[in-house]
């Protein structure tokens, strides 16, 4: 089976959430329609991540659910996860802990996790509305690595 891996990164707080969510749904439906199997790698660190997860779940429910996985990639195990593991496992198809991030200093763990996600991706979807923060740093990394990427906040996806 040909797996197409997509990672998603964006700011913790975003503007125009409804438009961003519409664009995400359009993109995810296109991927589900055109790819044999789609791995969607997500974090759980802010507003954009929640929009992405909601859009993935909605597209799987309303469009197609047999050719994709919604995967939460954690930088390390947290008390929140341990305390709510059953509900998290019900929400995501898979949950991973990034080994490289888990072994790094906690201040670097998110960026290490983000880079590992970029490195395994065929496409990276960003929602960058300002040139600062971890998502912006991750977009600079993806560009440097030559990974196919789009900024859903700026690009016309029609």
C-alpha atoms as a PDB file:
ATOM      1  CA  UNK A   1       0.000   0.000   0.000  1.00  0.00           C
ATOM      2  CA  UNK A   2       1.259   3.471  -0.901  1.00  0.00           C
ATOM      3  CA  UNK A   3       1.115   5.683   2.179  1.00  0.00           C
ATOM      4  CA  UNK A   4       1.071   9.458   1.750  1.00  0.00           C
ATOM      5  CA  UNK A   5       2.074  11.213   4.976  1.00  0.00           C
ATOM      6  CA  UNK A   6       0.869  14.730   5.762  1.00  0.00           C
ATOM      7  CA  UNK A   7       1.875  16.806   8.801  1.00  0.00           C
ATOM      8  CA  UNK A   8       0.051  19.890  10.038  1.00  0.00           C
ATOM      9  CA  UNK A   9       1.525  22.883  11.907  1.00  0.00           C
ATOM     10  CA  UNK A  10       0.121  26.263  12.842  1.00  0.00           C
ATOM     11  CA  UNK A  11       0.042  28.977  15.452  1.00  0.00           C
ATOM     12  CA  UNK A  12      -1.612  28.366  18.792  1.00  0.00           C
ATOM     13  CA  UNK A  13      -4.029  31.224  18.074  1.00  0.00           C
ATOM     14  CA  UNK A  14      -5.232  31.845  14.524  1.00  0.00           C
ATOM     15  CA  UNK A  15      -7.351  34.385  12.715  1.00  0.00           C
ATOM     16  CA  UNK A  16     -10.211  33.514  10.322  1.00  0.00           C
ATOM     17  CA  UNK A  17     -10.781  30.085  11.869  1.00  0.00           C
ATOM     18  CA  UNK A  18     -13.874  29.306   9.786  1.00  0.00           C
ATOM     19  CA  UNK A  19     -12.071  30.004   6.513  1.00  0.00           C
ATOM     20  CA  UNK A  20      -9.025  28.001   7.629  1.00  0.00           C
ATOM     21  CA  UNK A  21     -11.275  25.072   8.589  1.00  0.00           C
ATOM     22  CA  UNK A  22     -13.043  25.221   5.212  1.00  0.00           C
ATOM     23  CA  UNK A  23      -9.688  25.106   3.429  1.00  0.00           C
ATOM     24  CA  UNK A  24      -8.521  22.212   5.607  1.00  0.00           C
ATOM     25  CA  UNK A  25     -11.643  20.189   4.815  1.00  0.00           C
ATOM     26  CA  UNK A  26     -11.226  20.849   1.105  1.00  0.00           C
ATOM     27  CA  UNK A  27      -7.592  19.735   1.217  1.00  0.00           C
ATOM     28  CA  UNK A  28      -8.270  16.633   3.326  1.00  0.00           C
ATOM     29  CA  UNK A  29     -11.141  15.546   1.048  1.00  0.00           C
ATOM     30  CA  UNK A  30      -8.855  15.927  -1.973  1.00  0.00           C
ATOM     31  CA  UNK A  31      -6.176  13.816  -0.292  1.00  0.00           C
ATOM     32  CA  UNK A  32      -8.673  11.103   0.691  1.00  0.00           C
ATOM     33  CA  UNK A  33     -10.010  11.042  -2.866  1.00  0.00           C
ATOM     34  CA  UNK A  34      -6.638  10.976  -4.647  1.00  0.00           C
ATOM     35  CA  UNK A  35      -4.278   8.984  -2.402  1.00  0.00           C
ATOM     36  CA  UNK A  36      -4.329   5.277  -1.666  1.00  0.00           C
ATOM     37  CA  UNK A  37      -3.717   5.776   2.073  1.00  0.00           C
ATOM     38  CA  UNK A  38      -3.208   9.035   3.997  1.00  0.00           C
ATOM     39  CA  UNK A  39      -1.438   9.336   7.341  1.00  0.00           C
ATOM     40  CA  UNK A  40      -2.352  12.643   9.010  1.00  0.00           C
ATOM     41  CA  UNK A  41       0.201  13.582  11.665  1.00  0.00           C
ATOM     42  CA  UNK A  42      -0.994  16.171  14.168  1.00  0.00           C
ATOM     43  CA  UNK A  43       0.013  17.760  17.435  1.00  0.00           C
ATOM     44  CA  UNK A  44      -2.357  18.877  20.121  1.00  0.00           C
ATOM     45  CA  UNK A  45      -0.855  22.180  21.122  1.00  0.00           C
ATOM     46  CA  UNK A  46      -3.218  24.928  20.048  1.00  0.00           C
ATOM     47  CA  UNK A  47      -6.179  26.215  18.093  1.00  0.00           C
ATOM     48  CA  UNK A  48      -4.878  25.182  14.660  1.00  0.00           C
ATOM     49  CA  UNK A  49      -4.191  21.630  15.843  1.00  0.00           C
ATOM     50  CA  UNK A  50      -7.763  21.379  17.125  1.00  0.00           C
ATOM     51  CA  UNK A  51      -9.155  22.699  13.817  1.00  0.00           C
ATOM     52  CA  UNK A  52      -7.090  20.126  11.917  1.00  0.00           C
ATOM     53  CA  UNK A  53      -8.233  17.236  14.097  1.00  0.00           C
ATOM     54  CA  UNK A  54     -11.875  18.314  13.820  1.00  0.00           C
ATOM     55  CA  UNK A  55     -11.584  18.598  10.028  1.00  0.00           C
ATOM     56  CA  UNK A  56      -9.917  15.176   9.740  1.00  0.00           C
ATOM     57  CA  UNK A  57     -12.588  13.521  11.870  1.00  0.00           C
ATOM     58  CA  UNK A  58     -15.411  15.235   9.963  1.00  0.00           C
ATOM     59  CA  UNK A  59     -13.961  14.254   6.562  1.00  0.00           C
ATOM     60  CA  UNK A  60     -13.471  10.653   7.699  1.00  0.00           C
ATOM     61  CA  UNK A  61     -17.056  10.514   8.978  1.00  0.00           C
ATOM     62  CA  UNK A  62     -18.748  12.303   6.076  1.00  0.00           C
ATOM     63  CA  UNK A  63     -16.530  11.432   3.120  1.00  0.00           C
ATOM     64  CA  UNK A  64     -14.268   8.407   3.529  1.00  0.00           C
ATOM     65  CA  UNK A  65     -12.754   6.620   6.513  1.00  0.00           C
ATOM     66  CA  UNK A  66     -11.217   3.456   5.065  1.00  0.00           C
ATOM     67  CA  UNK A  67      -7.982   4.925   3.692  1.00  0.00           C
ATOM     68  CA  UNK A  68      -6.539   7.152   6.394  1.00  0.00           C
ATOM     69  CA  UNK A  69      -5.203   7.408   9.929  1.00  0.00           C
ATOM     70  CA  UNK A  70      -5.452  10.380  12.288  1.00  0.00           C
ATOM     71  CA  UNK A  71      -2.233  10.186  14.324  1.00  0.00           C
ATOM     72  CA  UNK A  72      -1.349  12.328  17.341  1.00  0.00           C
ATOM     73  CA  UNK A  73       2.434  12.627  17.641  1.00  0.00           C
ATOM     74  CA  UNK A  74       3.425  13.651  21.160  1.00  0.00           C
ATOM     75  CA  UNK A  75       6.864  15.013  22.008  1.00  0.00           C
ATOM     76  CA  UNK A  76       6.749  13.092  25.315  1.00  0.00           C
ATOM     77  CA  UNK A  77       4.180  11.457  27.595  1.00  0.00           C
ATOM     78  CA  UNK A  78       2.283  13.885  29.790  1.00  0.00           C
ATOM     79  CA  UNK A  79       0.218  13.516  32.934  1.00  0.00           C
ATOM     80  CA  UNK A  80      -2.794  14.738  30.915  1.00  0.00           C
ATOM     81  CA  UNK A  81      -2.357  11.795  28.543  1.00  0.00           C
ATOM     82  CA  UNK A  82      -1.881   9.263  31.350  1.00  0.00           C
ATOM     83  CA  UNK A  83      -4.979  10.619  33.156  1.00  0.00           C
ATOM     84  CA  UNK A  84      -7.147  10.590  30.000  1.00  0.00           C
ATOM     85  CA  UNK A  85      -5.603   7.836  27.892  1.00  0.00           C
ATOM     86  CA  UNK A  86      -8.861   6.047  27.121  1.00  0.00           C
ATOM     87  CA  UNK A  87     -10.611   9.150  25.766  1.00  0.00           C
ATOM     88  CA  UNK A  88      -7.542  10.130  23.727  1.00  0.00           C
ATOM     89  CA  UNK A  89      -7.397   6.625  22.234  1.00  0.00           C
ATOM     90  CA  UNK A  90     -11.076   6.929  21.323  1.00  0.00           C
ATOM     91  CA  UNK A  91     -10.442  10.267  19.580  1.00  0.00           C
ATOM     92  CA  UNK A  92      -7.280   9.467  17.565  1.00  0.00           C
ATOM     93  CA  UNK A  93      -6.704   6.422  15.361  1.00  0.00           C
ATOM     94  CA  UNK A  94      -3.137   6.148  16.651  1.00  0.00           C
ATOM     95  CA  UNK A  95      -0.999   7.882  19.276  1.00  0.00           C
ATOM     96  CA  UNK A  96       2.779   8.011  19.029  1.00  0.00           C
ATOM     97  CA  UNK A  97       5.536   9.418  21.189  1.00  0.00           C
ATOM     98  CA  UNK A  98       8.426  10.803  19.139  1.00  0.00           C
ATOM     99  CA  UNK A  99      11.499   8.977  20.428  1.00  0.00           C
ATOM    100  CA  UNK A 100      13.933  11.721  19.431  1.00  0.00           C
ATOM    101  CA  UNK A 101      11.853  14.364  21.231  1.00  0.00           C
ATOM    102  CA  UNK A 102      11.215  12.257  24.319  1.00  0.00           C
ATOM    103  CA  UNK A 103      14.974  11.871  24.720  1.00  0.00           C
ATOM    104  CA  UNK A 104      15.725  15.577  24.325  1.00  0.00           C
ATOM    105  CA  UNK A 105      15.547  18.450  26.813  1.00  0.00           C
ATOM    106  CA  UNK A 106      11.902  19.414  27.398  1.00  0.00           C
ATOM    107  CA  UNK A 107      12.497  22.959  26.106  1.00  0.00           C
ATOM    108  CA  UNK A 108      13.562  21.513  22.737  1.00  0.00           C
ATOM    109  CA  UNK A 109      11.119  18.601  22.644  1.00  0.00           C
ATOM    110  CA  UNK A 110       8.374  20.241  20.557  1.00  0.00           C
ATOM    111  CA  UNK A 111      10.769  21.511  17.890  1.00  0.00           C
ATOM    112  CA  UNK A 112      12.525  18.123  17.788  1.00  0.00           C
ATOM    113  CA  UNK A 113       9.139  16.411  17.361  1.00  0.00           C
ATOM    114  CA  UNK A 114       8.131  18.898  14.651  1.00  0.00           C
ATOM    115  CA  UNK A 115      11.308  18.276  12.665  1.00  0.00           C
ATOM    116  CA  UNK A 116      10.860  14.507  12.925  1.00  0.00           C
ATOM    117  CA  UNK A 117       7.296  14.882  11.598  1.00  0.00           C
ATOM    118  CA  UNK A 118       8.526  17.025   8.681  1.00  0.00           C
ATOM    119  CA  UNK A 119      11.250  14.485   7.891  1.00  0.00           C
ATOM    120  CA  UNK A 120       8.705  11.674   7.453  1.00  0.00           C
ATOM    121  CA  UNK A 121       6.168  13.738   5.485  1.00  0.00           C
ATOM    122  CA  UNK A 122       5.342  13.862   1.788  1.00  0.00           C
ATOM    123  CA  UNK A 123       3.439  17.131   2.360  1.00  0.00           C
ATOM    124  CA  UNK A 124       3.483  19.615   5.222  1.00  0.00           C
ATOM    125  CA  UNK A 125       0.488  21.899   5.708  1.00  0.00           C
ATOM    126  CA  UNK A 126       1.098  25.119   7.603  1.00  0.00           C
ATOM    127  CA  UNK A 127      -1.147  27.865   8.907  1.00  0.00           C
ATOM    128  CA  UNK A 128       1.375  30.662   9.306  1.00  0.00           C
ATOM    129  CA  UNK A 129      -0.036  34.142   9.809  1.00  0.00           C
ATOM    130  CA  UNK A 130       3.064  35.795  11.325  1.00  0.00           C
ATOM    131  CA  UNK A 131       6.801  35.273  11.165  1.00  0.00           C
ATOM    132  CA  UNK A 132       7.404  34.056  14.696  1.00  0.00           C
ATOM    133  CA  UNK A 133       6.896  30.988  16.853  1.00  0.00           C
ATOM    134  CA  UNK A 134       7.482  27.272  16.596  1.00  0.00           C
ATOM    135  CA  UNK A 135       5.280  26.708  13.544  1.00  0.00           C
ATOM    136  CA  UNK A 136       7.144  29.424  11.645  1.00  0.00           C
ATOM    137  CA  UNK A 137      10.483  27.861  12.650  1.00  0.00           C
ATOM    138  CA  UNK A 138       9.174  24.495  11.438  1.00  0.00           C
ATOM    139  CA  UNK A 139       8.169  26.022   8.081  1.00  0.00           C
ATOM    140  CA  UNK A 140      11.696  27.414   7.674  1.00  0.00           C
ATOM    141  CA  UNK A 141      13.024  23.906   8.390  1.00  0.00           C
ATOM    142  CA  UNK A 142      10.663  22.283   5.845  1.00  0.00           C
ATOM    143  CA  UNK A 143      11.741  24.782   3.171  1.00  0.00           C
ATOM    144  CA  UNK A 144      15.424  24.122   3.932  1.00  0.00           C
ATOM    145  CA  UNK A 145      14.827  20.351   3.671  1.00  0.00           C
ATOM    146  CA  UNK A 146      13.001  20.790   0.352  1.00  0.00           C
ATOM    147  CA  UNK A 147       9.804  19.120   1.621  1.00  0.00           C
ATOM    148  CA  UNK A 148       6.620  19.892  -0.318  1.00  0.00           C
ATOM    149  CA  UNK A 149       4.612  22.353   1.769  1.00  0.00           C
ATOM    150  CA  UNK A 150       1.773  24.835   1.612  1.00  0.00           C
ATOM    151  CA  UNK A 151       0.660  27.674   3.864  1.00  0.00           C
ATOM    152  CA  UNK A 152      -3.090  27.229   4.029  1.00  0.00           C
ATOM    153  CA  UNK A 153      -3.448  30.700   5.589  1.00  0.00           C
ATOM    154  CA  UNK A 154      -2.142  32.395   2.444  1.00  0.00           C
ATOM    155  CA  UNK A 155      -2.502  30.131  -0.560  1.00  0.00           C
ATOM    156  CA  UNK A 156      -5.537  29.833  -2.766  1.00  0.00           C
ATOM    157  CA  UNK A 157      -6.424  26.145  -2.834  1.00  0.00           C
ATOM    158  CA  UNK A 158      -9.133  26.347  -5.506  1.00  0.00           C
END
